[in-house]
Amino acid sequence: MATETLSAIEAFAAVDEVFMLFAGAVFALHQDTMRAYAIDIGRADDGAQVAAINAAQPTPLGDFDARVGLMLEAMRNIERANIGVLGQQIPPAGIDADRHRIHLLMARMRATAARLWLLTIQARAGDGGGAGLRLGVSGMWTRLQTVPRAALPERAMSFTGTFYRNIRSEPMDFAAWPLSP
């Protein structure tokens, strides 16, 4: 999964505008996940955050650990659903070929964003993959760090609401873009 994700990110990075659109997908998934599960997936390994969230934001979804489990399964479902869309190579009736290609590209970006977050969580938890996974994930985020916050609003809005049913982050906290200036 790490190799496929890195390959997809490298393909997106070949065209600046496409890469910025992908960064918008990654950020929209971050924001929608915060709204859906009360988890900042960029800091899910922070023990202090876990304790503070459990105390300050009780939810019907359970404590932090329960919500992380739900969120991980949701990420896997996002990946699977969008991979399924990629298998639809023939445009549906009423959709022209150009629009269908855009639909497929956005599905690939959603699937890759979910994979990136899954790999990030796995690397931070130290589960499998070891130092190689941590280094690979770090490299992917270093690449994403080149996308400035100012490029996110328009692009992220193209993706918010496409990950979870009835969850659309508006407004978004663009200061939460994890690494860019």
Protein backbone atom coordinates (compact mmCIF):
# COMPACT_ATOMS: atom_id res chain seq x y z
CA MET A 1 0.00 0.00 0.00
CA ALA A 2 2.84 2.42 0.81
CA THR A 3 4.48 1.91 -2.58
CA GLU A 4 1.20 2.41 -4.45
CA THR A 5 0.44 5.53 -2.42
CA LEU A 6 3.87 7.01 -3.02
CA SER A 7 3.56 6.26 -6.73
CA ALA A 8 0.17 7.98 -6.90
CA ILE A 9 1.48 11.04 -5.04
CA GLU A 10 4.46 11.25 -7.38
CA ALA A 11 2.10 11.11 -10.36
CA PHE A 12 -0.02 13.91 -8.89
CA ALA A 13 3.13 15.95 -8.16
CA ALA A 14 4.12 15.88 -11.82
CA VAL A 15 1.58 18.67 -12.47
CA ASP A 16 1.46 21.49 -9.91
CA GLU A 17 -2.28 22.16 -10.24
CA VAL A 18 -3.11 18.47 -9.88
CA PHE A 19 -0.86 18.20 -6.84
CA MET A 20 -2.51 21.21 -5.20
CA LEU A 21 -5.90 19.61 -5.88
CA PHE A 22 -4.67 16.42 -4.19
CA ALA A 23 -3.51 18.48 -1.19
CA GLY A 24 -7.04 19.88 -1.07
CA ALA A 25 -8.38 16.31 -0.89
CA VAL A 26 -5.97 15.43 1.94
CA PHE A 27 -6.97 18.55 3.86
CA ALA A 28 -10.71 18.11 3.28
CA LEU A 29 -10.47 14.54 4.59
CA HIS A 30 -8.66 15.89 7.68
CA GLN A 31 -11.35 18.50 8.30
CA ASP A 32 -14.30 16.18 7.58
CA THR A 33 -12.80 13.55 9.91
CA MET A 34 -12.50 16.12 12.69
CA ARG A 35 -16.17 16.92 12.25
CA ALA A 36 -17.30 13.29 11.91
CA TYR A 37 -15.23 11.69 14.69
CA ALA A 38 -13.85 14.53 16.83
CA ILE A 39 -10.33 13.36 15.96
CA ASP A 40 -7.53 15.52 14.61
CA ILE A 41 -5.89 12.76 12.57
CA GLY A 42 -2.81 14.90 12.19
CA ARG A 43 -2.28 14.63 15.97
CA ALA A 44 -4.05 11.37 16.84
CA ASP A 45 -0.89 10.00 18.46
CA ASP A 46 -0.65 12.89 20.95
CA GLY A 47 -1.50 11.48 24.38
CA ALA A 48 -2.29 14.90 25.82
CA GLN A 49 -4.73 15.54 22.98
CA VAL A 50 -6.41 12.19 23.61
CA ALA A 51 -6.98 12.96 27.29
CA ALA A 52 -8.19 16.49 26.58
CA ILE A 53 -10.59 15.36 23.86
CA ASN A 54 -12.02 12.57 26.00
CA ALA A 55 -12.68 15.07 28.79
CA ALA A 56 -13.88 18.01 26.71
CA GLN A 57 -15.75 16.42 23.82
CA PRO A 58 -17.76 13.41 24.90
CA THR A 59 -19.67 12.09 21.91
CA PRO A 60 -22.24 9.38 21.32
CA LEU A 61 -19.54 7.58 19.31
CA GLY A 62 -17.63 6.73 22.49
CA ASP A 63 -14.23 7.55 23.91
CA PHE A 64 -11.21 8.40 21.79
CA ASP A 65 -10.09 4.80 21.27
CA ALA A 66 -13.56 3.77 20.09
CA ARG A 67 -13.72 6.72 17.70
CA VAL A 68 -10.25 5.92 16.31
CA GLY A 69 -11.46 2.40 15.50
CA LEU A 70 -14.53 3.78 13.75
CA MET A 71 -12.43 6.34 11.90
CA LEU A 72 -9.92 3.73 10.69
CA GLU A 73 -12.75 1.58 9.33
CA ALA A 74 -14.28 4.65 7.66
CA MET A 75 -10.92 5.45 6.01
CA ARG A 76 -10.71 1.89 4.68
CA ASN A 77 -14.27 2.24 3.36
CA ILE A 78 -13.40 5.54 1.66
CA GLU A 79 -10.43 3.87 0.01
CA ARG A 80 -12.45 0.82 -1.11
CA ALA A 81 -15.38 2.86 -2.43
CA ASN A 82 -13.15 5.11 -4.49
CA ILE A 83 -11.07 2.21 -5.80
CA GLY A 84 -14.40 0.74 -6.91
CA VAL A 85 -15.16 3.93 -8.82
CA LEU A 86 -11.81 3.62 -10.60
CA GLY A 87 -12.95 0.27 -11.97
CA GLN A 88 -15.71 2.01 -13.93
CA GLN A 89 -13.72 2.81 -17.06
CA ILE A 90 -16.77 3.32 -19.31
CA PRO A 91 -18.56 6.63 -18.70
CA PRO A 92 -22.13 6.28 -17.43
CA ALA A 93 -24.90 7.38 -19.78
CA GLY A 94 -25.13 11.16 -20.03
CA ILE A 95 -21.53 11.79 -18.87
CA ASP A 96 -19.01 12.87 -21.49
CA ALA A 97 -15.50 11.38 -21.55
CA ASP A 98 -13.78 14.51 -20.17
CA ARG A 99 -16.15 14.77 -17.21
CA HIS A 100 -15.70 11.04 -16.55
CA ARG A 101 -11.89 11.43 -16.50
CA ILE A 102 -12.24 14.22 -13.92
CA HIS A 103 -14.56 12.01 -11.86
CA LEU A 104 -11.97 9.19 -11.97
CA LEU A 105 -9.11 11.55 -11.05
CA MET A 106 -11.02 12.86 -8.04
CA ALA A 107 -11.85 9.28 -6.96
CA ARG A 108 -8.15 8.41 -7.18
CA MET A 109 -7.31 11.46 -5.08
CA ARG A 110 -9.89 10.54 -2.42
CA ALA A 111 -8.59 6.95 -2.27
CA THR A 112 -4.98 8.15 -2.08
CA ALA A 113 -5.81 10.72 0.62
CA ALA A 114 -7.41 7.98 2.73
CA ARG A 115 -4.38 5.74 2.19
CA LEU A 116 -2.01 8.54 3.13
CA TRP A 117 -3.85 9.14 6.40
CA LEU A 118 -3.99 5.40 7.12
CA LEU A 119 -0.26 5.07 6.49
CA THR A 120 0.43 8.16 8.61
CA ILE A 121 -1.49 6.72 11.54
CA GLN A 122 0.21 3.35 11.11
CA ALA A 123 3.68 4.93 10.93
CA ARG A 124 3.09 7.02 14.04
CA ALA A 125 1.72 4.06 15.97
CA GLY A 126 4.83 2.08 15.11
CA ASP A 127 2.74 -0.82 13.76
CA GLY A 128 4.53 -2.77 11.04
CA GLY A 129 6.68 -1.24 8.35
CA GLY A 130 9.17 0.08 10.88
CA ALA A 131 11.55 2.86 10.04
CA GLY A 132 11.02 2.40 6.30
CA LEU A 133 7.32 3.21 6.59
CA ARG A 134 7.99 6.19 8.86
CA LEU A 135 10.57 7.52 6.42
CA GLY A 136 8.27 7.00 3.42
CA VAL A 137 5.35 8.73 5.12
CA SER A 138 7.61 11.56 6.21
CA GLY A 139 8.71 12.00 2.60
CA MET A 140 5.12 12.15 1.38
CA TRP A 141 4.29 14.83 3.97
CA THR A 142 7.47 16.75 3.12
CA ARG A 143 6.23 16.86 -0.46
CA LEU A 144 2.79 18.04 0.66
CA GLN A 145 4.41 20.73 2.80
CA THR A 146 5.30 22.55 -0.42
CA VAL A 147 1.63 23.39 -0.96
CA PRO A 148 0.86 26.75 0.67
CA ARG A 149 -2.25 27.24 2.78
CA ALA A 150 -3.43 29.90 0.34
CA ALA A 151 -3.82 27.21 -2.33
CA LEU A 152 -6.15 25.09 -0.21
CA PRO A 153 -9.51 26.87 0.15
CA GLU A 154 -10.82 26.48 -3.39
CA ARG A 155 -9.34 23.01 -3.83
CA ALA A 156 -10.42 21.59 -0.47
CA MET A 157 -13.97 22.82 -1.05
CA SER A 158 -14.09 20.55 -4.12
CA PHE A 159 -13.69 17.54 -1.79
CA THR A 160 -15.37 18.38 1.51
CA GLY A 161 -18.61 16.47 1.83
CA THR A 162 -17.43 13.66 -0.47
CA PHE A 163 -15.91 11.41 2.21
CA TYR A 164 -18.62 10.86 4.84
CA ARG A 165 -22.40 10.86 4.55
CA ASN A 166 -23.90 14.15 5.79
CA ILE A 167 -20.52 15.62 6.81
CA ARG A 168 -19.31 18.74 5.06
CA SER A 169 -16.78 20.98 6.78
CA GLU A 170 -17.75 24.57 6.25
CA PRO A 171 -15.96 26.63 7.31
CA MET A 172 -12.61 24.90 7.34
CA ASP A 173 -9.70 25.78 9.60
CA PHE A 174 -6.97 26.35 7.03
CA ALA A 175 -4.50 27.13 9.81
CA ALA A 176 -4.67 23.40 10.56
CA TRP A 177 -2.78 22.56 7.36
CA PRO A 178 -0.08 20.68 9.17
CA LEU A 179 3.21 21.68 7.63
CA SER A 180 3.02 24.63 5.30
CA PRO A 181 3.95 28.21 6.17
